[in-house]
C-alpha atoms as a PDB file:
ATOM      1  CA  MET A   1       5.702 -14.187  -4.042  1.00  0.00           C
ATOM      2  CA  GLY A   2       5.921 -10.890  -2.134  1.00  0.00           C
ATOM      3  CA  ARG A   3       3.517  -9.079  -4.441  1.00  0.00           C
ATOM      4  CA  ARG A   4       0.974 -11.868  -4.075  1.00  0.00           C
ATOM      5  CA  ILE A   5       1.065 -11.525  -0.272  1.00  0.00           C
ATOM      6  CA  LEU A   6       0.610  -7.744  -0.588  1.00  0.00           C
ATOM      7  CA  ASN A   7      -2.257  -8.150  -3.057  1.00  0.00           C
ATOM      8  CA  ASP A   8      -4.035 -10.652  -0.757  1.00  0.00           C
ATOM      9  CA  ALA A   9      -3.632  -8.275   2.207  1.00  0.00           C
ATOM     10  CA  LEU A  10      -5.021  -5.325   0.250  1.00  0.00           C
ATOM     11  CA  ARG A  11      -7.979  -7.378  -0.991  1.00  0.00           C
ATOM     12  CA  SER A  12      -8.724  -8.369   2.634  1.00  0.00           C
ATOM     13  CA  ILE A  13      -8.735  -4.691   3.660  1.00  0.00           C
ATOM     14  CA  VAL A  14     -11.044  -3.696   0.779  1.00  0.00           C
ATOM     15  CA  ASN A  15     -13.444  -6.594   1.471  1.00  0.00           C
ATOM     16  CA  ALA A  16     -13.604  -5.765   5.190  1.00  0.00           C
ATOM     17  CA  GLU A  17     -14.296  -2.109   4.350  1.00  0.00           C
ATOM     18  CA  LYS A  18     -17.137  -3.127   2.028  1.00  0.00           C
ATOM     19  CA  ARG A  19     -18.661  -5.248   4.797  1.00  0.00           C
ATOM     20  CA  GLY A  20     -18.394  -2.345   7.260  1.00  0.00           C
ATOM     21  CA  LYS A  21     -16.014  -4.084   9.676  1.00  0.00           C
ATOM     22  CA  ALA A  22     -13.952  -2.082  12.151  1.00  0.00           C
ATOM     23  CA  LYS A  23     -10.874  -4.370  12.136  1.00  0.00           C
ATOM     24  CA  VAL A  24      -9.233  -6.877   9.860  1.00  0.00           C
ATOM     25  CA  GLU A  25      -6.433  -9.361  10.545  1.00  0.00           C
ATOM     26  CA  LEU A  26      -3.778  -9.909   7.901  1.00  0.00           C
ATOM     27  CA  LYS A  27      -1.533 -12.961   7.665  1.00  0.00           C
ATOM     28  CA  PRO A  28       1.011 -13.911   6.409  1.00  0.00           C
ATOM     29  CA  ILE A  29       2.867 -10.603   6.572  1.00  0.00           C
ATOM     30  CA  SER A  30       6.000  -9.017   5.154  1.00  0.00           C
ATOM     31  CA  ASN A  31       8.017  -5.844   5.656  1.00  0.00           C
ATOM     32  CA  VAL A  32       6.500  -4.376   2.481  1.00  0.00           C
ATOM     33  CA  ILE A  33       2.984  -4.768   3.941  1.00  0.00           C
ATOM     34  CA  SER A  34       3.931  -2.928   7.124  1.00  0.00           C
ATOM     35  CA  SER A  35       5.612  -0.150   5.107  1.00  0.00           C
ATOM     36  CA  PHE A  36       2.528   0.119   2.893  1.00  0.00           C
ATOM     37  CA  LEU A  37       0.257   0.313   5.968  1.00  0.00           C
ATOM     38  CA  LYS A  38       2.450   3.091   7.399  1.00  0.00           C
ATOM     39  CA  ILE A  39       1.824   5.138   4.236  1.00  0.00           C
ATOM     40  CA  MET A  40      -1.914   4.392   4.448  1.00  0.00           C
ATOM     41  CA  LYS A  41      -1.944   5.554   8.079  1.00  0.00           C
ATOM     42  CA  ASP A  42       0.030   8.734   7.293  1.00  0.00           C
ATOM     43  CA  ARG A  43      -2.416   9.586   4.487  1.00  0.00           C
ATOM     44  CA  GLY A  44      -5.455   8.947   6.717  1.00  0.00           C
ATOM     45  CA  TYR A  45      -6.884   5.844   5.056  1.00  0.00           C
ATOM     46  CA  ILE A  46      -6.621   3.636   8.169  1.00  0.00           C
ATOM     47  CA  LYS A  47      -6.675   4.490  11.870  1.00  0.00           C
ATOM     48  CA  ASP A  48      -3.877   2.275  13.168  1.00  0.00           C
ATOM     49  CA  TYR A  49      -2.237  -1.116  12.834  1.00  0.00           C
ATOM     50  CA  GLN A  50      -0.465  -3.502  15.210  1.00  0.00           C
ATOM     51  CA  VAL A  51       2.206  -6.013  14.162  1.00  0.00           C
ATOM     52  CA  TYR A  52       2.308  -9.218  16.211  1.00  0.00           C
ATOM     53  CA  ASP A  53       5.314 -11.592  16.101  1.00  0.00           C
ATOM     54  CA  PRO A  54       6.999 -10.206  12.960  1.00  0.00           C
ATOM     55  CA  HIS A  55       9.898 -12.714  13.030  1.00  0.00           C
ATOM     56  CA  ARG A  56       7.716 -15.752  12.468  1.00  0.00           C
ATOM     57  CA  VAL A  57       4.617 -16.049  10.307  1.00  0.00           C
ATOM     58  CA  GLY A  58       3.104 -13.146  12.243  1.00  0.00           C
ATOM     59  CA  ARG A  59      -0.085 -11.184  11.821  1.00  0.00           C
ATOM     60  CA  ILE A  60      -1.163  -7.573  11.567  1.00  0.00           C
ATOM     61  CA  THR A  61      -4.403  -6.183  12.978  1.00  0.00           C
ATOM     62  CA  VAL A  62      -5.611  -3.118  11.072  1.00  0.00           C
ATOM     63  CA  GLU A  63      -8.200  -0.671  12.451  1.00  0.00           C
ATOM     64  CA  LEU A  64     -10.281   0.598   9.551  1.00  0.00           C
ATOM     65  CA  GLN A  65     -12.069   3.914   9.229  1.00  0.00           C
ATOM     66  CA  GLY A  66     -14.117   3.458   6.054  1.00  0.00           C
ATOM     67  CA  ARG A  67     -12.042   5.472   3.576  1.00  0.00           C
ATOM     68  CA  VAL A  68     -10.633   2.685   1.385  1.00  0.00           C
ATOM     69  CA  LYS A  69     -12.746   2.160  -1.731  1.00  0.00           C
ATOM     70  CA  ASP A  70     -10.237   0.250  -3.844  1.00  0.00           C
ATOM     71  CA  CYS A  71      -6.613  -0.740  -3.421  1.00  0.00           C
ATOM     72  CA  LYS A  72      -4.578  -3.059  -5.648  1.00  0.00           C
ATOM     73  CA  ALA A  73      -1.043  -4.329  -6.037  1.00  0.00           C
ATOM     74  CA  LEU A  74       0.294  -4.807  -9.530  1.00  0.00           C
ATOM     75  CA  THR A  75       1.598  -8.344  -9.749  1.00  0.00           C
ATOM     76  CA  TYR A  76       3.957  -7.717 -12.648  1.00  0.00           C
ATOM     77  CA  ARG A  77       7.256  -5.990 -12.081  1.00  0.00           C
ATOM     78  CA  GLN A  78       7.655  -2.641 -13.776  1.00  0.00           C
ATOM     79  CA  ASP A  79      10.567  -0.253 -13.371  1.00  0.00           C
ATOM     80  CA  ILE A  80       9.708   3.445 -13.206  1.00  0.00           C
ATOM     81  CA  LYS A  81      12.253   6.206 -13.621  1.00  0.00           C
ATOM     82  CA  ALA A  82      11.921   9.310 -11.460  1.00  0.00           C
ATOM     83  CA  ARG A  83      10.980  11.499 -14.427  1.00  0.00           C
ATOM     84  CA  ASP A  84       8.229   9.058 -15.537  1.00  0.00           C
ATOM     85  CA  ILE A  85       6.367   8.775 -12.200  1.00  0.00           C
ATOM     86  CA  GLU A  86       3.857  11.529 -12.992  1.00  0.00           C
ATOM     87  CA  ASN A  87       2.956  10.023 -16.370  1.00  0.00           C
ATOM     88  CA  TYR A  88       2.577   6.602 -14.727  1.00  0.00           C
ATOM     89  CA  ARG A  89       0.287   8.074 -12.058  1.00  0.00           C
ATOM     90  CA  LEU A  90      -1.905   9.709 -14.696  1.00  0.00           C
ATOM     91  CA  ARG A  91      -2.197   6.413 -16.579  1.00  0.00           C
ATOM     92  CA  MET A  92      -2.874   4.173 -13.579  1.00  0.00           C
ATOM     93  CA  LEU A  93      -5.139   6.202 -11.281  1.00  0.00           C
ATOM     94  CA  PRO A  94      -8.795   6.555 -12.275  1.00  0.00           C
ATOM     95  CA  THR A  95      -8.948  10.297 -11.502  1.00  0.00           C
ATOM     96  CA  HIS A  96      -6.571  13.214 -10.998  1.00  0.00           C
ATOM     97  CA  GLN A  97      -8.054  14.423  -7.685  1.00  0.00           C
ATOM     98  CA  TRP A  98      -7.369  11.479  -5.356  1.00  0.00           C
ATOM     99  CA  GLY A  99      -5.315   8.345  -4.935  1.00  0.00           C
ATOM    100  CA  TYR A 100      -1.667   7.440  -4.547  1.00  0.00           C
ATOM    101  CA  VAL A 101       0.770   5.221  -6.361  1.00  0.00           C
ATOM    102  CA  VAL A 102       3.068   3.455  -3.890  1.00  0.00           C
ATOM    103  CA  ILE A 103       6.544   2.579  -5.184  1.00  0.00           C
ATOM    104  CA  THR A 104       9.294   0.428  -3.707  1.00  0.00           C
ATOM    105  CA  THR A 105      12.519   2.408  -4.068  1.00  0.00           C
ATOM    106  CA  PRO A 106      16.096   2.130  -2.792  1.00  0.00           C
ATOM    107  CA  ASP A 107      15.020   4.702  -0.148  1.00  0.00           C
ATOM    108  CA  GLY A 108      12.191   2.426   1.053  1.00  0.00           C
ATOM    109  CA  VAL A 109       8.506   2.253   0.214  1.00  0.00           C
ATOM    110  CA  LEU A 110       7.281   5.734  -0.847  1.00  0.00           C
ATOM    111  CA  ASP A 111       4.150   7.201  -2.391  1.00  0.00           C
ATOM    112  CA  HIS A 112       4.460   9.013  -5.714  1.00  0.00           C
ATOM    113  CA  GLU A 113       4.630  12.487  -4.140  1.00  0.00           C
ATOM    114  CA  GLU A 114       7.573  11.595  -1.876  1.00  0.00           C
ATOM    115  CA  ALA A 115       9.354   9.799  -4.721  1.00  0.00           C
ATOM    116  CA  ILE A 116       9.054  12.896  -6.921  1.00  0.00           C
ATOM    117  CA  LYS A 117      10.375  15.125  -4.092  1.00  0.00           C
ATOM    118  CA  LYS A 118      13.353  12.821  -3.511  1.00  0.00           C
ATOM    119  CA  ASN A 119      13.856  12.342  -7.278  1.00  0.00           C
ATOM    120  CA  VAL A 120      14.047   8.563  -6.982  1.00  0.00           C
ATOM    121  CA  GLY A 121      12.527   5.835  -9.133  1.00  0.00           C
ATOM    122  CA  GLY A 122      11.647   2.263  -8.312  1.00  0.00           C
ATOM    123  CA  GLN A 123       9.183  -0.525  -8.973  1.00  0.00           C
END
Protein backbone atom coordinates (compact mmCIF):
# COMPACT_ATOMS: atom_id res chain seq x y z
CA MET A 1 0.00 0.00 0.00
CA GLY A 2 2.78 2.46 0.89
CA ARG A 3 4.59 2.03 -2.41
CA ARG A 4 1.38 2.67 -4.32
CA ILE A 5 0.89 5.99 -2.49
CA LEU A 6 4.50 6.97 -3.25
CA ASN A 7 4.14 5.98 -6.91
CA ASP A 8 0.92 8.03 -7.27
CA ALA A 9 2.62 11.05 -5.66
CA LEU A 10 5.63 10.80 -7.97
CA ARG A 11 3.40 10.45 -11.04
CA SER A 12 1.52 13.61 -9.95
CA ILE A 13 4.82 15.51 -9.70
CA VAL A 14 5.99 14.33 -13.14
CA ASN A 15 2.63 15.15 -14.77
CA ALA A 16 2.58 18.64 -13.22
CA GLU A 17 6.14 19.24 -14.43
CA LYS A 18 5.17 18.20 -17.96
CA ARG A 19 2.25 20.64 -17.90
CA GLY A 20 4.54 23.45 -16.68
CA LYS A 21 2.77 24.00 -13.35
CA ALA A 22 4.51 25.78 -10.49
CA LYS A 23 2.87 23.79 -7.65
CA VAL A 24 1.26 20.43 -7.12
CA GLU A 25 -0.77 19.11 -4.19
CA LEU A 26 -0.24 15.54 -3.04
CA LYS A 27 -2.71 13.51 -1.00
CA PRO A 28 -2.89 11.07 0.72
CA ILE A 29 0.58 11.32 2.24
CA SER A 30 2.98 9.19 4.26
CA ASN A 31 6.27 9.62 6.09
CA VAL A 32 8.11 7.97 3.18
CA ILE A 33 6.78 10.64 0.78
CA SER A 34 8.01 13.47 3.00
CA SER A 35 11.42 11.79 3.38
CA PHE A 36 11.61 11.30 -0.39
CA LEU A 37 10.71 14.98 -0.97
CA LYS A 38 13.45 16.02 1.47
CA ILE A 39 16.00 14.16 -0.67
CA MET A 40 14.57 15.76 -3.83
CA LYS A 41 14.88 19.20 -2.23
CA ASP A 42 18.45 18.56 -1.04
CA ARG A 43 19.45 17.45 -4.55
CA GLY A 44 17.80 20.51 -6.16
CA TYR A 45 14.94 18.84 -8.02
CA ILE A 46 12.18 20.78 -6.21
CA LYS A 47 12.17 24.21 -4.58
CA ASP A 48 10.26 23.49 -1.37
CA TYR A 49 7.38 21.54 0.11
CA GLN A 50 4.88 22.15 2.92
CA VAL A 51 3.19 19.39 4.94
CA TYR A 52 -0.32 20.21 6.16
CA ASP A 53 -2.03 18.14 8.90
CA PRO A 54 0.29 15.11 8.85
CA HIS A 55 -1.61 13.21 11.58
CA ARG A 56 -4.79 12.83 9.57
CA VAL A 57 -5.15 12.24 5.84
CA GLY A 58 -3.07 15.37 5.24
CA ARG A 59 -1.66 16.94 2.12
CA ILE A 60 1.66 18.19 0.84
CA THR A 61 2.10 21.20 -1.44
CA VAL A 62 5.25 20.94 -3.57
CA GLU A 63 6.82 23.93 -5.36
CA LEU A 64 8.31 22.70 -8.62
CA GLN A 65 11.24 24.13 -10.54
CA GLY A 66 11.14 22.17 -13.80
CA ARG A 67 13.99 19.71 -13.24
CA VAL A 68 12.05 16.44 -12.86
CA LYS A 69 11.86 14.55 -16.14
CA ASP A 70 10.94 11.11 -14.81
CA CYS A 71 10.55 9.63 -11.35
CA LYS A 72 9.18 6.19 -10.46
CA ALA A 73 8.68 3.97 -7.45
CA LEU A 74 9.24 0.26 -7.87
CA THR A 75 6.13 -1.48 -6.62
CA TYR A 76 7.79 -4.81 -5.92
CA ARG A 77 9.91 -5.28 -2.85
CA GLN A 78 13.57 -5.97 -3.48
CA ASP A 79 16.29 -6.22 -0.85
CA ILE A 80 19.65 -4.68 -1.75
CA LYS A 81 22.84 -5.37 0.15
CA ALA A 82 25.28 -2.51 0.68
CA ARG A 83 27.87 -4.03 -1.66
CA ASP A 84 25.28 -4.47 -4.46
CA ILE A 85 23.94 -0.88 -4.53
CA GLU A 86 26.30 0.30 -7.28
CA ASN A 87 25.44 -2.62 -9.56
CA TYR A 88 21.73 -2.00 -8.93
CA ARG A 89 22.14 1.69 -9.79
CA LEU A 90 23.90 0.83 -13.05
CA ARG A 91 21.11 -1.57 -14.00
CA MET A 92 18.17 0.67 -13.07
CA LEU A 93 19.21 4.19 -14.11
CA PRO A 94 19.11 5.02 -17.83
CA THR A 95 22.50 6.79 -17.81
CA HIS A 96 25.61 7.01 -15.65
CA GLN A 97 25.77 10.82 -15.48
CA TRP A 98 22.56 11.70 -13.62
CA GLY A 99 19.83 10.30 -11.43
CA TYR A 100 19.53 8.79 -7.98
CA VAL A 101 18.24 5.56 -6.55
CA VAL A 102 16.41 6.19 -3.27
CA ILE A 103 16.48 3.33 -0.75
CA THR A 104 14.58 2.80 2.49
CA THR A 105 17.14 1.64 5.05
CA PRO A 106 17.23 1.10 8.82
CA ASP A 107 18.92 4.55 8.96
CA GLY A 108 15.96 6.17 7.15
CA VAL A 109 15.32 7.01 3.52
CA LEU A 110 18.67 7.60 1.74
CA ASP A 111 19.86 8.05 -1.83
CA HIS A 112 22.39 5.57 -3.21
CA GLU A 113 25.40 7.81 -2.52
CA GLU A 114 24.57 8.22 1.18
CA ALA A 115 23.80 4.51 1.53
CA ILE A 116 27.20 3.62 0.06
CA LYS A 117 28.95 6.09 2.42
CA LYS A 118 27.14 4.65 5.45
CA ASN A 119 27.61 1.08 4.17
CA VAL A 120 23.95 0.19 4.69
CA GLY A 121 21.54 -1.75 2.50
CA GLY A 122 17.78 -1.66 2.31
CA GLN A 123 14.81 -1.93 -0.01
